[in-house]
């Protein structure tokens, strides 16, 4: 049996905030999704799923984004 983890409201809210910051960063720097993916050293598919909110951004990625993109809390 496979257990599906449900997303908590806190997780969803934090993810939404981070997605807003990612979009603002992309707009400020004139980046496309594939360029952001290259900068973060991930796939364009990951970035696309994050931006469309199909996947919650994992805690390790969140920390990396805050460092590489200099995002504030």
C-alpha atoms as a PDB file:
ATOM      1  CA  UNK A   1       0.000   0.000   0.000  1.00  0.00           C
ATOM      2  CA  UNK A   2       1.322   3.427  -0.941  1.00  0.00           C
ATOM      3  CA  UNK A   3       0.651   6.278   1.444  1.00  0.00           C
ATOM      4  CA  UNK A   4       0.061   9.658  -0.122  1.00  0.00           C
ATOM      5  CA  UNK A   5       1.262  12.540   1.993  1.00  0.00           C
ATOM      6  CA  UNK A   6      -1.199  15.370   2.114  1.00  0.00           C
ATOM      7  CA  UNK A   7       0.039  18.907   1.911  1.00  0.00           C
ATOM      8  CA  UNK A   8      -0.578  21.001   5.004  1.00  0.00           C
ATOM      9  CA  UNK A   9      -1.988  24.492   4.688  1.00  0.00           C
ATOM     10  CA  UNK A  10       1.284  25.879   6.039  1.00  0.00           C
ATOM     11  CA  UNK A  11       3.267  24.020   3.350  1.00  0.00           C
ATOM     12  CA  UNK A  12       0.971  25.301   0.622  1.00  0.00           C
ATOM     13  CA  UNK A  13       1.150  28.888   1.906  1.00  0.00           C
ATOM     14  CA  UNK A  14       4.969  28.795   2.140  1.00  0.00           C
ATOM     15  CA  UNK A  15       5.171  27.295  -1.351  1.00  0.00           C
ATOM     16  CA  UNK A  16       2.875  29.977  -2.772  1.00  0.00           C
ATOM     17  CA  UNK A  17       5.062  32.703  -1.256  1.00  0.00           C
ATOM     18  CA  UNK A  18       8.217  31.171  -2.693  1.00  0.00           C
ATOM     19  CA  UNK A  19       6.625  30.828  -6.142  1.00  0.00           C
ATOM     20  CA  UNK A  20       5.689  34.530  -6.006  1.00  0.00           C
ATOM     21  CA  UNK A  21       9.306  35.365  -5.135  1.00  0.00           C
ATOM     22  CA  UNK A  22      10.571  33.186  -7.992  1.00  0.00           C
ATOM     23  CA  UNK A  23       8.250  34.880 -10.472  1.00  0.00           C
ATOM     24  CA  UNK A  24       9.292  38.331  -9.212  1.00  0.00           C
ATOM     25  CA  UNK A  25      12.970  37.357  -9.513  1.00  0.00           C
ATOM     26  CA  UNK A  26      12.418  36.116 -13.058  1.00  0.00           C
ATOM     27  CA  UNK A  27      10.605  39.308 -14.025  1.00  0.00           C
ATOM     28  CA  UNK A  28      13.210  41.571 -12.397  1.00  0.00           C
ATOM     29  CA  UNK A  29      16.088  39.840 -14.174  1.00  0.00           C
ATOM     30  CA  UNK A  30      14.244  39.112 -17.425  1.00  0.00           C
ATOM     31  CA  UNK A  31      14.660  35.350 -17.104  1.00  0.00           C
ATOM     32  CA  UNK A  32      12.734  32.573 -18.780  1.00  0.00           C
ATOM     33  CA  UNK A  33      12.039  29.304 -16.947  1.00  0.00           C
ATOM     34  CA  UNK A  34      14.881  27.489 -18.691  1.00  0.00           C
ATOM     35  CA  UNK A  35      17.330  30.250 -17.718  1.00  0.00           C
ATOM     36  CA  UNK A  36      16.250  30.042 -14.084  1.00  0.00           C
ATOM     37  CA  UNK A  37      16.661  26.272 -14.278  1.00  0.00           C
ATOM     38  CA  UNK A  38      20.211  26.685 -15.576  1.00  0.00           C
ATOM     39  CA  UNK A  39      21.010  29.123 -12.787  1.00  0.00           C
ATOM     40  CA  UNK A  40      19.644  26.733 -10.146  1.00  0.00           C
ATOM     41  CA  UNK A  41      21.252  23.730 -11.865  1.00  0.00           C
ATOM     42  CA  UNK A  42      17.996  21.831 -12.197  1.00  0.00           C
ATOM     43  CA  UNK A  43      15.724  20.846 -15.065  1.00  0.00           C
ATOM     44  CA  UNK A  44      13.320  23.133 -16.843  1.00  0.00           C
ATOM     45  CA  UNK A  45      10.623  20.586 -15.967  1.00  0.00           C
ATOM     46  CA  UNK A  46      11.209  21.089 -12.242  1.00  0.00           C
ATOM     47  CA  UNK A  47      10.980  24.854 -12.561  1.00  0.00           C
ATOM     48  CA  UNK A  48       7.839  24.534 -14.669  1.00  0.00           C
ATOM     49  CA  UNK A  49       6.154  22.251 -12.120  1.00  0.00           C
ATOM     50  CA  UNK A  50       7.100  24.612  -9.298  1.00  0.00           C
ATOM     51  CA  UNK A  51       5.763  27.673 -11.111  1.00  0.00           C
ATOM     52  CA  UNK A  52       2.511  25.918 -12.029  1.00  0.00           C
ATOM     53  CA  UNK A  53       2.283  24.699  -8.411  1.00  0.00           C
ATOM     54  CA  UNK A  54       2.095  21.063  -9.476  1.00  0.00           C
ATOM     55  CA  UNK A  55       4.858  20.208  -6.990  1.00  0.00           C
ATOM     56  CA  UNK A  56       5.744  21.600  -3.592  1.00  0.00           C
ATOM     57  CA  UNK A  57       9.299  22.934  -3.581  1.00  0.00           C
ATOM     58  CA  UNK A  58      11.357  20.737  -1.271  1.00  0.00           C
ATOM     59  CA  UNK A  59      13.170  22.192   1.732  1.00  0.00           C
ATOM     60  CA  UNK A  60      16.625  21.572   0.236  1.00  0.00           C
ATOM     61  CA  UNK A  61      15.617  23.434  -2.948  1.00  0.00           C
ATOM     62  CA  UNK A  62      14.134  26.240  -0.865  1.00  0.00           C
ATOM     63  CA  UNK A  63      17.419  26.716   0.975  1.00  0.00           C
ATOM     64  CA  UNK A  64      19.404  26.591  -2.268  1.00  0.00           C
ATOM     65  CA  UNK A  65      17.115  29.151  -3.917  1.00  0.00           C
ATOM     66  CA  UNK A  66      17.423  31.535  -0.998  1.00  0.00           C
ATOM     67  CA  UNK A  67      21.208  31.331  -1.238  1.00  0.00           C
ATOM     68  CA  UNK A  68      21.647  31.382  -5.032  1.00  0.00           C
ATOM     69  CA  UNK A  69      18.917  33.926  -5.750  1.00  0.00           C
ATOM     70  CA  UNK A  70      19.454  35.931  -2.542  1.00  0.00           C
ATOM     71  CA  UNK A  71      15.765  35.682  -1.651  1.00  0.00           C
ATOM     72  CA  UNK A  72      14.634  37.177   1.646  1.00  0.00           C
ATOM     73  CA  UNK A  73      12.218  35.532   4.073  1.00  0.00           C
END
